[in-house]
Amino acid sequence: MSRLIVDLQLNQGSAPWSVLRDAGNAAEEAGFNTLWNLDHFSGKVFDSDSMMECFTSLTAWAATTSTIGLGTLVTNVMNREPGLLANIVSSIQQISDNRLTLGIGAGAAPNTMFSAEQDALEISLIPKMADRHKRLVQVVDIMRSIWAKNRDQRFEGFPRPEKEPAIIVGVNSMALARRAGEMADGVNTRFNHPERAALVATAVEASGHRPGFDASVWSWFTPEYADADHPFHKELMAEGVTRLIMFERGAPDVAAIASTSKYLR
């Protein structure tokens, strides 16, 4: 029976590390394909009083799991310089034995509800959407130039992954969906986007229907969605979606995560 790849995303500001660790182990044991996290400096947007740093927590999961994939959904390209991001990614690929997928996003405009944490840290943001999209492409190009086998001599000694991670782009517009299809390995959008199906179709078309192109949608954590017979599961498949990432916004329910195994095994 055809079915979606099913993943789990956790909010690393929602619980102590001991609970997050157990949730990651439960996800691996249950049969989830990949474990994703967030890239935020503050937990305020999720009503949390803290937020564990994205790549630090991902590295910890890499050390406490052994087979489940690991991913960021999504890394804000404005949060780190491209060279630093390239170095971090290379390091996690080595620690995790090449289990990383790098999800990236263009970030928000300054002085909006989604930019408060960057504004607080005086991180420069880009007002125009088209310019934010250009920056995203630039960051990917710089990372790939650092990782290239025939890279410029100035990058000698910089770490590079034995296997470059797949890069997927979080999209909310047709323009970025098209660009992501052209230059990335996949695309992600939210389950309740009014143009969800069109965004996925646009990205897949722009990819030239490349084999392995990853068309994913995230939804709230609902174990029944992993059931290939569930209407939502079937609806996504009919739209050409290949992966469902279920996001548990609050503290992980380890028992509920484990119970999903009946749909995954």
C-alpha atoms as a PDB file:
ATOM      1  CA  MET A   1       0.000   0.000   0.000  1.00  0.00           C
ATOM      2  CA  SER A   2       1.342   3.427  -0.934  1.00  0.00           C
ATOM      3  CA  ARG A   3       1.857   5.759   1.984  1.00  0.00           C
ATOM      4  CA  LEU A   4       3.596   8.933   3.056  1.00  0.00           C
ATOM      5  CA  ILE A   5       6.902   9.081   4.841  1.00  0.00           C
ATOM      6  CA  VAL A   6       5.886  10.120   8.358  1.00  0.00           C
ATOM      7  CA  ASP A   7       8.085  12.257  10.622  1.00  0.00           C
ATOM      8  CA  LEU A   8       7.870  13.929  14.021  1.00  0.00           C
ATOM      9  CA  GLN A   9       8.791  17.498  14.939  1.00  0.00           C
ATOM     10  CA  LEU A  10       9.382  18.561  18.545  1.00  0.00           C
ATOM     11  CA  ASN A  11       9.479  21.980  20.207  1.00  0.00           C
ATOM     12  CA  GLN A  12      12.724  21.968  22.174  1.00  0.00           C
ATOM     13  CA  GLY A  13      11.438  24.838  24.346  1.00  0.00           C
ATOM     14  CA  SER A  14       8.521  22.764  25.602  1.00  0.00           C
ATOM     15  CA  ALA A  15      10.189  20.447  28.115  1.00  0.00           C
ATOM     16  CA  PRO A  16      13.450  19.599  29.907  1.00  0.00           C
ATOM     17  CA  TRP A  17      16.124  17.781  27.929  1.00  0.00           C
ATOM     18  CA  SER A  18      15.414  14.508  29.743  1.00  0.00           C
ATOM     19  CA  VAL A  19      11.864  14.498  28.297  1.00  0.00           C
ATOM     20  CA  LEU A  20      13.038  15.584  24.841  1.00  0.00           C
ATOM     21  CA  ARG A  21      15.660  12.824  24.896  1.00  0.00           C
ATOM     22  CA  ASP A  22      13.058  10.206  25.779  1.00  0.00           C
ATOM     23  CA  ALA A  23      10.727  11.543  23.087  1.00  0.00           C
ATOM     24  CA  GLY A  24      13.476  11.248  20.471  1.00  0.00           C
ATOM     25  CA  ASN A  25      14.187   7.685  21.513  1.00  0.00           C
ATOM     26  CA  ALA A  26      10.449   6.861  21.413  1.00  0.00           C
ATOM     27  CA  ALA A  27      10.186   8.350  17.912  1.00  0.00           C
ATOM     28  CA  GLU A  28      13.051   6.196  16.691  1.00  0.00           C
ATOM     29  CA  GLU A  29      11.602   3.077  18.272  1.00  0.00           C
ATOM     30  CA  ALA A  30       8.118   3.792  16.893  1.00  0.00           C
ATOM     31  CA  GLY A  31       9.422   3.987  13.329  1.00  0.00           C
ATOM     32  CA  PHE A  32       9.252   7.684  12.497  1.00  0.00           C
ATOM     33  CA  ASN A  33      11.578   8.417   9.581  1.00  0.00           C
ATOM     34  CA  THR A  34      13.023  11.742  10.772  1.00  0.00           C
ATOM     35  CA  LEU A  35      13.003  13.843  13.948  1.00  0.00           C
ATOM     36  CA  TRP A  36      12.798  17.600  13.348  1.00  0.00           C
ATOM     37  CA  ASN A  37      13.149  20.618  15.605  1.00  0.00           C
ATOM     38  CA  LEU A  38      12.794  24.419  15.518  1.00  0.00           C
ATOM     39  CA  ASP A  39      15.194  27.325  15.024  1.00  0.00           C
ATOM     40  CA  HIS A  40      14.177  29.979  17.544  1.00  0.00           C
ATOM     41  CA  PHE A  41      16.170  31.925  20.117  1.00  0.00           C
ATOM     42  CA  SER A  42      13.160  32.556  22.355  1.00  0.00           C
ATOM     43  CA  GLY A  43      10.297  30.302  23.403  1.00  0.00           C
ATOM     44  CA  LYS A  44       7.900  33.225  23.746  1.00  0.00           C
ATOM     45  CA  VAL A  45       6.095  32.532  20.471  1.00  0.00           C
ATOM     46  CA  PHE A  46       5.217  29.098  21.910  1.00  0.00           C
ATOM     47  CA  ASP A  47       4.396  30.431  25.402  1.00  0.00           C
ATOM     48  CA  SER A  48       7.606  28.902  26.777  1.00  0.00           C
ATOM     49  CA  ASP A  49      10.073  30.655  29.054  1.00  0.00           C
ATOM     50  CA  SER A  50      13.086  29.195  27.271  1.00  0.00           C
ATOM     51  CA  MET A  51      14.212  27.604  23.995  1.00  0.00           C
ATOM     52  CA  MET A  52      17.095  25.179  23.578  1.00  0.00           C
ATOM     53  CA  GLU A  53      19.287  26.195  20.644  1.00  0.00           C
ATOM     54  CA  CYS A  54      18.442  24.425  17.413  1.00  0.00           C
ATOM     55  CA  PHE A  55      21.708  22.735  16.488  1.00  0.00           C
ATOM     56  CA  THR A  56      22.810  22.036  20.056  1.00  0.00           C
ATOM     57  CA  SER A  57      19.677  19.997  20.698  1.00  0.00           C
ATOM     58  CA  LEU A  58      19.964  18.331  17.291  1.00  0.00           C
ATOM     59  CA  THR A  59      23.515  17.267  18.124  1.00  0.00           C
ATOM     60  CA  ALA A  60      22.313  15.828  21.431  1.00  0.00           C
ATOM     61  CA  TRP A  61      19.662  13.796  19.599  1.00  0.00           C
ATOM     62  CA  ALA A  62      22.346  12.647  17.171  1.00  0.00           C
ATOM     63  CA  ALA A  63      24.267  11.250  20.122  1.00  0.00           C
ATOM     64  CA  THR A  64      21.288   9.604  21.843  1.00  0.00           C
ATOM     65  CA  THR A  65      19.720   7.992  18.752  1.00  0.00           C
ATOM     66  CA  SER A  66      21.270   5.831  16.065  1.00  0.00           C
ATOM     67  CA  THR A  67      18.990   5.385  13.038  1.00  0.00           C
ATOM     68  CA  ILE A  68      16.331   8.105  12.874  1.00  0.00           C
ATOM     69  CA  GLY A  69      16.963  11.003  10.519  1.00  0.00           C
ATOM     70  CA  LEU A  70      17.447  14.488  11.984  1.00  0.00           C
ATOM     71  CA  GLY A  71      16.288  17.799  10.576  1.00  0.00           C
ATOM     72  CA  THR A  72      15.670  21.499  11.155  1.00  0.00           C
ATOM     73  CA  LEU A  73      12.281  22.913  10.206  1.00  0.00           C
ATOM     74  CA  VAL A  74      13.331  25.488   9.437  1.00  0.00           C
ATOM     75  CA  THR A  75      16.678  27.168   9.980  1.00  0.00           C
ATOM     76  CA  ASN A  76      16.308  30.926   9.548  1.00  0.00           C
ATOM     77  CA  VAL A  77      19.092  31.926   7.141  1.00  0.00           C
ATOM     78  CA  MET A  78      19.393  35.283   8.912  1.00  0.00           C
ATOM     79  CA  ASN A  79      20.303  33.715  12.258  1.00  0.00           C
ATOM     80  CA  ARG A  80      23.841  32.627  11.316  1.00  0.00           C
ATOM     81  CA  GLU A  81      26.477  33.621   8.824  1.00  0.00           C
ATOM     82  CA  PRO A  82      26.666  31.115   5.927  1.00  0.00           C
ATOM     83  CA  GLY A  83      30.179  29.982   6.820  1.00  0.00           C
ATOM     84  CA  LEU A  84      29.160  29.260  10.411  1.00  0.00           C
ATOM     85  CA  LEU A  85      26.067  27.376   9.230  1.00  0.00           C
ATOM     86  CA  ALA A  86      28.177  25.331   6.802  1.00  0.00           C
ATOM     87  CA  ASN A  87      30.552  24.424   9.637  1.00  0.00           C
ATOM     88  CA  ILE A  88      27.704  23.443  11.983  1.00  0.00           C
ATOM     89  CA  VAL A  89      26.070  21.267   9.336  1.00  0.00           C
ATOM     90  CA  SER A  90      29.343  19.509   8.545  1.00  0.00           C
ATOM     91  CA  SER A  91      29.892  18.808  12.233  1.00  0.00           C
ATOM     92  CA  ILE A  92      26.417  17.352  12.773  1.00  0.00           C
ATOM     93  CA  GLN A  93      26.729  15.204   9.669  1.00  0.00           C
ATOM     94  CA  GLN A  94      29.908  13.675  11.115  1.00  0.00           C
ATOM     95  CA  ILE A  95      28.430  13.174  14.592  1.00  0.00           C
ATOM     96  CA  SER A  96      25.159  11.702  13.272  1.00  0.00           C
ATOM     97  CA  ASP A  97      26.700   9.498  10.575  1.00  0.00           C
ATOM     98  CA  ASN A  98      25.086  11.522   7.785  1.00  0.00           C
ATOM     99  CA  ARG A  99      21.525  11.611   9.129  1.00  0.00           C
ATOM    100  CA  LEU A 100      20.891  15.357   8.734  1.00  0.00           C
ATOM    101  CA  THR A 101      18.394  17.102   6.476  1.00  0.00           C
ATOM    102  CA  LEU A 102      18.793  20.879   6.475  1.00  0.00           C
ATOM    103  CA  GLY A 103      15.479  22.684   6.314  1.00  0.00           C
ATOM    104  CA  ILE A 104      15.932  26.395   5.689  1.00  0.00           C
ATOM    105  CA  GLY A 105      13.674  29.419   5.491  1.00  0.00           C
ATOM    106  CA  ALA A 106      14.015  33.038   4.428  1.00  0.00           C
ATOM    107  CA  GLY A 107      12.831  34.482   7.748  1.00  0.00           C
ATOM    108  CA  ALA A 108      10.484  37.347   8.508  1.00  0.00           C
ATOM    109  CA  ALA A 109      10.581  41.046   7.756  1.00  0.00           C
ATOM    110  CA  PRO A 110      11.839  43.315  10.569  1.00  0.00           C
ATOM    111  CA  ASN A 111       9.440  44.680  13.172  1.00  0.00           C
ATOM    112  CA  THR A 112       6.830  41.957  12.759  1.00  0.00           C
ATOM    113  CA  MET A 113       5.433  39.462  15.255  1.00  0.00           C
ATOM    114  CA  PHE A 114       7.747  36.795  13.857  1.00  0.00           C
ATOM    115  CA  SER A 115      10.912  38.904  14.067  1.00  0.00           C
ATOM    116  CA  ALA A 116      10.800  39.948  17.728  1.00  0.00           C
ATOM    117  CA  GLU A 117      13.649  37.668  18.806  1.00  0.00           C
ATOM    118  CA  GLN A 118      15.970  38.858  16.018  1.00  0.00           C
ATOM    119  CA  ASP A 119      14.989  42.477  16.699  1.00  0.00           C
ATOM    120  CA  ALA A 120      15.835  41.974  20.391  1.00  0.00           C
ATOM    121  CA  LEU A 121      19.297  40.666  19.462  1.00  0.00           C
ATOM    122  CA  GLU A 122      19.786  43.404  16.837  1.00  0.00           C
ATOM    123  CA  ILE A 123      20.160  40.881  14.034  1.00  0.00           C
ATOM    124  CA  SER A 124      19.778  42.726  10.743  1.00  0.00           C
ATOM    125  CA  LEU A 125      16.741  41.589   8.777  1.00  0.00           C
ATOM    126  CA  ILE A 126      15.682  42.267   5.194  1.00  0.00           C
ATOM    127  CA  PRO A 127      12.434  44.182   4.598  1.00  0.00           C
ATOM    128  CA  LYS A 128      11.554  43.022   1.071  1.00  0.00           C
ATOM    129  CA  MET A 129      10.404  39.445   0.504  1.00  0.00           C
ATOM    130  CA  ALA A 130      12.149  39.147  -2.856  1.00  0.00           C
ATOM    131  CA  ASP A 131      15.436  40.198  -1.252  1.00  0.00           C
ATOM    132  CA  ARG A 132      14.970  37.652   1.557  1.00  0.00           C
ATOM    133  CA  HIS A 133      14.505  34.973  -1.092  1.00  0.00           C
ATOM    134  CA  LYS A 134      17.723  36.089  -2.796  1.00  0.00           C
ATOM    135  CA  ARG A 135      19.547  35.868   0.517  1.00  0.00           C
ATOM    136  CA  LEU A 136      18.323  32.301   1.020  1.00  0.00           C
ATOM    137  CA  VAL A 137      19.683  31.260  -2.372  1.00  0.00           C
ATOM    138  CA  GLN A 138      22.963  33.062  -1.633  1.00  0.00           C
ATOM    139  CA  VAL A 139      23.380  31.223   1.684  1.00  0.00           C
ATOM    140  CA  VAL A 140      22.863  27.847  -0.005  1.00  0.00           C
ATOM    141  CA  ASP A 141      25.330  28.751  -2.754  1.00  0.00           C
ATOM    142  CA  ILE A 142      27.987  29.811  -0.217  1.00  0.00           C
ATOM    143  CA  MET A 143      27.592  26.613   1.809  1.00  0.00           C
ATOM    144  CA  ARG A 144      27.836  24.452  -1.273  1.00  0.00           C
ATOM    145  CA  SER A 145      30.948  26.325  -2.416  1.00  0.00           C
ATOM    146  CA  ILE A 146      32.587  25.620   0.964  1.00  0.00           C
ATOM    147  CA  TRP A 147      31.639  21.934   0.714  1.00  0.00           C
ATOM    148  CA  ALA A 148      32.624  21.498  -2.955  1.00  0.00           C
ATOM    149  CA  LYS A 149      35.288  18.929  -3.858  1.00  0.00           C
ATOM    150  CA  ASN A 150      36.988  21.478  -6.133  1.00  0.00           C
ATOM    151  CA  ARG A 151      36.480  24.378  -3.715  1.00  0.00           C
ATOM    152  CA  ASP A 152      38.459  27.591  -3.676  1.00  0.00           C
ATOM    153  CA  GLN A 153      41.835  27.372  -1.939  1.00  0.00           C
ATOM    154  CA  ARG A 154      40.710  29.910   0.687  1.00  0.00           C
ATOM    155  CA  PHE A 155      38.368  27.266   2.137  1.00  0.00           C
ATOM    156  CA  GLU A 156      41.141  24.708   2.700  1.00  0.00           C
ATOM    157  CA  GLY A 157      40.839  23.243   6.186  1.00  0.00           C
ATOM    158  CA  PHE A 158      37.146  24.120   6.504  1.00  0.00           C
ATOM    159  CA  PRO A 159      35.075  21.067   7.465  1.00  0.00           C
ATOM    160  CA  ARG A 160      32.857  19.600   4.817  1.00  0.00           C
ATOM    161  CA  PRO A 161      30.423  16.723   5.118  1.00  0.00           C
ATOM    162  CA  GLU A 162      31.304  13.322   3.745  1.00  0.00           C
ATOM    163  CA  LYS A 163      27.771  13.372   2.359  1.00  0.00           C
ATOM    164  CA  GLU A 164      26.079  16.703   1.710  1.00  0.00           C
ATOM    165  CA  PRO A 165      22.724  16.841   3.473  1.00  0.00           C
ATOM    166  CA  ALA A 166      19.539  17.244   1.519  1.00  0.00           C
ATOM    167  CA  ILE A 167      18.344  20.860   1.692  1.00  0.00           C
ATOM    168  CA  ILE A 168      14.626  21.593   1.790  1.00  0.00           C
ATOM    169  CA  VAL A 169      13.034  25.033   1.764  1.00  0.00           C
ATOM    170  CA  GLY A 170      10.038  26.151   3.796  1.00  0.00           C
ATOM    171  CA  VAL A 171       7.736  28.102   1.486  1.00  0.00           C
ATOM    172  CA  ASN A 172       4.639  30.276   1.726  1.00  0.00           C
ATOM    173  CA  SER A 173       4.701  31.821  -1.743  1.00  0.00           C
ATOM    174  CA  MET A 174       4.680  30.577  -5.327  1.00  0.00           C
ATOM    175  CA  ALA A 175       7.850  32.523  -6.112  1.00  0.00           C
ATOM    176  CA  LEU A 176       9.854  30.753  -3.430  1.00  0.00           C
ATOM    177  CA  ALA A 177       8.244  27.384  -4.191  1.00  0.00           C
ATOM    178  CA  ARG A 178       9.416  27.732  -7.789  1.00  0.00           C
ATOM    179  CA  ARG A 179      12.914  28.784  -6.749  1.00  0.00           C
ATOM    180  CA  ALA A 180      13.127  25.964  -4.213  1.00  0.00           C
ATOM    181  CA  GLY A 181      12.191  23.442  -6.881  1.00  0.00           C
ATOM    182  CA  GLU A 182      15.022  24.704  -9.056  1.00  0.00           C
ATOM    183  CA  MET A 183      17.826  24.801  -6.473  1.00  0.00           C
ATOM    184  CA  ALA A 184      16.935  22.603  -3.502  1.00  0.00           C
ATOM    185  CA  ASP A 185      16.220  18.960  -2.753  1.00  0.00           C
ATOM    186  CA  GLY A 186      12.738  19.490  -1.416  1.00  0.00           C
ATOM    187  CA  VAL A 187      10.054  21.854  -0.220  1.00  0.00           C
ATOM    188  CA  ASN A 188       7.841  22.151   2.844  1.00  0.00           C
ATOM    189  CA  THR A 189       4.643  24.053   3.529  1.00  0.00           C
ATOM    190  CA  ARG A 190       1.999  24.074   6.239  1.00  0.00           C
ATOM    191  CA  PHE A 191      -1.056  21.839   6.168  1.00  0.00           C
ATOM    192  CA  ASN A 192      -3.552  24.724   6.379  1.00  0.00           C
ATOM    193  CA  HIS A 193      -2.017  26.982   3.727  1.00  0.00           C
ATOM    194  CA  PRO A 194      -4.835  27.982   1.346  1.00  0.00           C
ATOM    195  CA  GLU A 195      -2.576  27.199  -1.621  1.00  0.00           C
ATOM    196  CA  ARG A 196      -0.965  24.064  -0.197  1.00  0.00           C
ATOM    197  CA  ALA A 197      -1.535  21.844  -3.217  1.00  0.00           C
ATOM    198  CA  ALA A 198      -0.455  24.549  -5.658  1.00  0.00           C
ATOM    199  CA  LEU A 199       2.737  25.273  -3.730  1.00  0.00           C
ATOM    200  CA  VAL A 200       3.684  21.600  -3.790  1.00  0.00           C
ATOM    201  CA  ALA A 201       2.815  21.240  -7.484  1.00  0.00           C
ATOM    202  CA  THR A 202       4.787  24.383  -8.387  1.00  0.00           C
ATOM    203  CA  ALA A 203       7.903  23.168  -6.588  1.00  0.00           C
ATOM    204  CA  VAL A 204       7.698  19.669  -8.077  1.00  0.00           C
ATOM    205  CA  GLU A 205       7.203  21.089 -11.574  1.00  0.00           C
ATOM    206  CA  ALA A 206      10.154  23.464 -11.132  1.00  0.00           C
ATOM    207  CA  SER A 207      12.299  20.522 -10.010  1.00  0.00           C
ATOM    208  CA  GLY A 208      11.660  18.822 -13.334  1.00  0.00           C
ATOM    209  CA  HIS A 209      10.075  15.966 -11.371  1.00  0.00           C
ATOM    210  CA  ARG A 210      13.531  14.960 -10.184  1.00  0.00           C
ATOM    211  CA  PRO A 211      13.592  11.511  -8.575  1.00  0.00           C
ATOM    212  CA  GLY A 212      13.776  11.857  -4.815  1.00  0.00           C
ATOM    213  CA  PHE A 213      12.529  15.443  -4.702  1.00  0.00           C
ATOM    214  CA  ASP A 214      10.968  15.754  -1.239  1.00  0.00           C
ATOM    215  CA  ALA A 215       7.523  17.414  -1.169  1.00  0.00           C
ATOM    216  CA  SER A 216       6.533  17.684   2.488  1.00  0.00           C
ATOM    217  CA  VAL A 217       3.739  19.197   4.552  1.00  0.00           C
ATOM    218  CA  TRP A 218       3.742  19.792   8.295  1.00  0.00           C
ATOM    219  CA  SER A 219       0.651  19.396  10.472  1.00  0.00           C
ATOM    220  CA  TRP A 220      -0.122  19.246  14.176  1.00  0.00           C
ATOM    221  CA  PHE A 221       0.769  15.951  15.832  1.00  0.00           C
ATOM    222  CA  THR A 222      -2.155  13.596  15.285  1.00  0.00           C
ATOM    223  CA  PRO A 223      -1.110   9.925  15.411  1.00  0.00           C
ATOM    224  CA  GLU A 224      -4.033   8.840  13.212  1.00  0.00           C
ATOM    225  CA  TYR A 225      -2.650  10.903  10.319  1.00  0.00           C
ATOM    226  CA  ALA A 226       0.093   8.286   9.999  1.00  0.00           C
ATOM    227  CA  ASP A 227      -2.551   5.723   9.033  1.00  0.00           C
ATOM    228  CA  ALA A 228      -2.460   5.204   5.266  1.00  0.00           C
ATOM    229  CA  ASP A 229      -6.252   4.799   5.346  1.00  0.00           C
ATOM    230  CA  HIS A 230      -6.883   8.142   7.051  1.00  0.00           C
ATOM    231  CA  PRO A 231      -8.629  10.696   4.759  1.00  0.00           C
ATOM    232  CA  PHE A 232      -6.003  13.395   5.417  1.00  0.00           C
ATOM    233  CA  HIS A 233      -3.200  10.949   4.587  1.00  0.00           C
ATOM    234  CA  LYS A 234      -4.933  10.081   1.322  1.00  0.00           C
ATOM    235  CA  GLU A 235      -5.627  13.749   0.558  1.00  0.00           C
ATOM    236  CA  LEU A 236      -1.952  14.654   0.838  1.00  0.00           C
ATOM    237  CA  MET A 237      -0.903  11.737  -1.332  1.00  0.00           C
ATOM    238  CA  ALA A 238      -3.377  12.793  -4.006  1.00  0.00           C
ATOM    239  CA  GLU A 239      -1.710  16.218  -4.046  1.00  0.00           C
ATOM    240  CA  GLY A 240       1.726  14.718  -4.692  1.00  0.00           C
ATOM    241  CA  VAL A 241       2.986  15.132  -1.128  1.00  0.00           C
ATOM    242  CA  THR A 242       5.669  12.583  -0.224  1.00  0.00           C
ATOM    243  CA  ARG A 243       6.263  13.337   3.471  1.00  0.00           C
ATOM    244  CA  LEU A 244       4.133  14.341   6.465  1.00  0.00           C
ATOM    245  CA  ILE A 245       5.882  16.047   9.380  1.00  0.00           C
ATOM    246  CA  MET A 246       3.669  16.046  12.486  1.00  0.00           C
ATOM    247  CA  PHE A 247       4.543  18.838  14.946  1.00  0.00           C
ATOM    248  CA  GLU A 248       3.966  18.324  18.667  1.00  0.00           C
ATOM    249  CA  ARG A 249       3.830  21.939  19.791  1.00  0.00           C
ATOM    250  CA  GLY A 250       3.628  21.324  23.552  1.00  0.00           C
ATOM    251  CA  ALA A 251       5.602  19.042  25.840  1.00  0.00           C
ATOM    252  CA  PRO A 252       6.133  15.675  24.137  1.00  0.00           C
ATOM    253  CA  ASP A 253       3.666  12.943  24.992  1.00  0.00           C
ATOM    254  CA  VAL A 254       6.059  10.020  24.935  1.00  0.00           C
ATOM    255  CA  ALA A 255       3.274   7.453  25.216  1.00  0.00           C
ATOM    256  CA  ALA A 256       1.387   8.976  22.270  1.00  0.00           C
ATOM    257  CA  ILE A 257       4.565   9.042  20.205  1.00  0.00           C
ATOM    258  CA  ALA A 258       5.171   5.378  20.987  1.00  0.00           C
ATOM    259  CA  SER A 259       1.560   4.488  20.152  1.00  0.00           C
ATOM    260  CA  THR A 260       2.020   5.756  16.595  1.00  0.00           C
ATOM    261  CA  SER A 261       4.118   2.667  15.905  1.00  0.00           C
ATOM    262  CA  LYS A 262       0.972   0.724  14.974  1.00  0.00           C
ATOM    263  CA  TYR A 263       0.700   2.881  11.836  1.00  0.00           C
ATOM    264  CA  LEU A 264       4.418   2.939  11.064  1.00  0.00           C
ATOM    265  CA  ARG A 265       5.601  -0.651  11.582  1.00  0.00           C
END
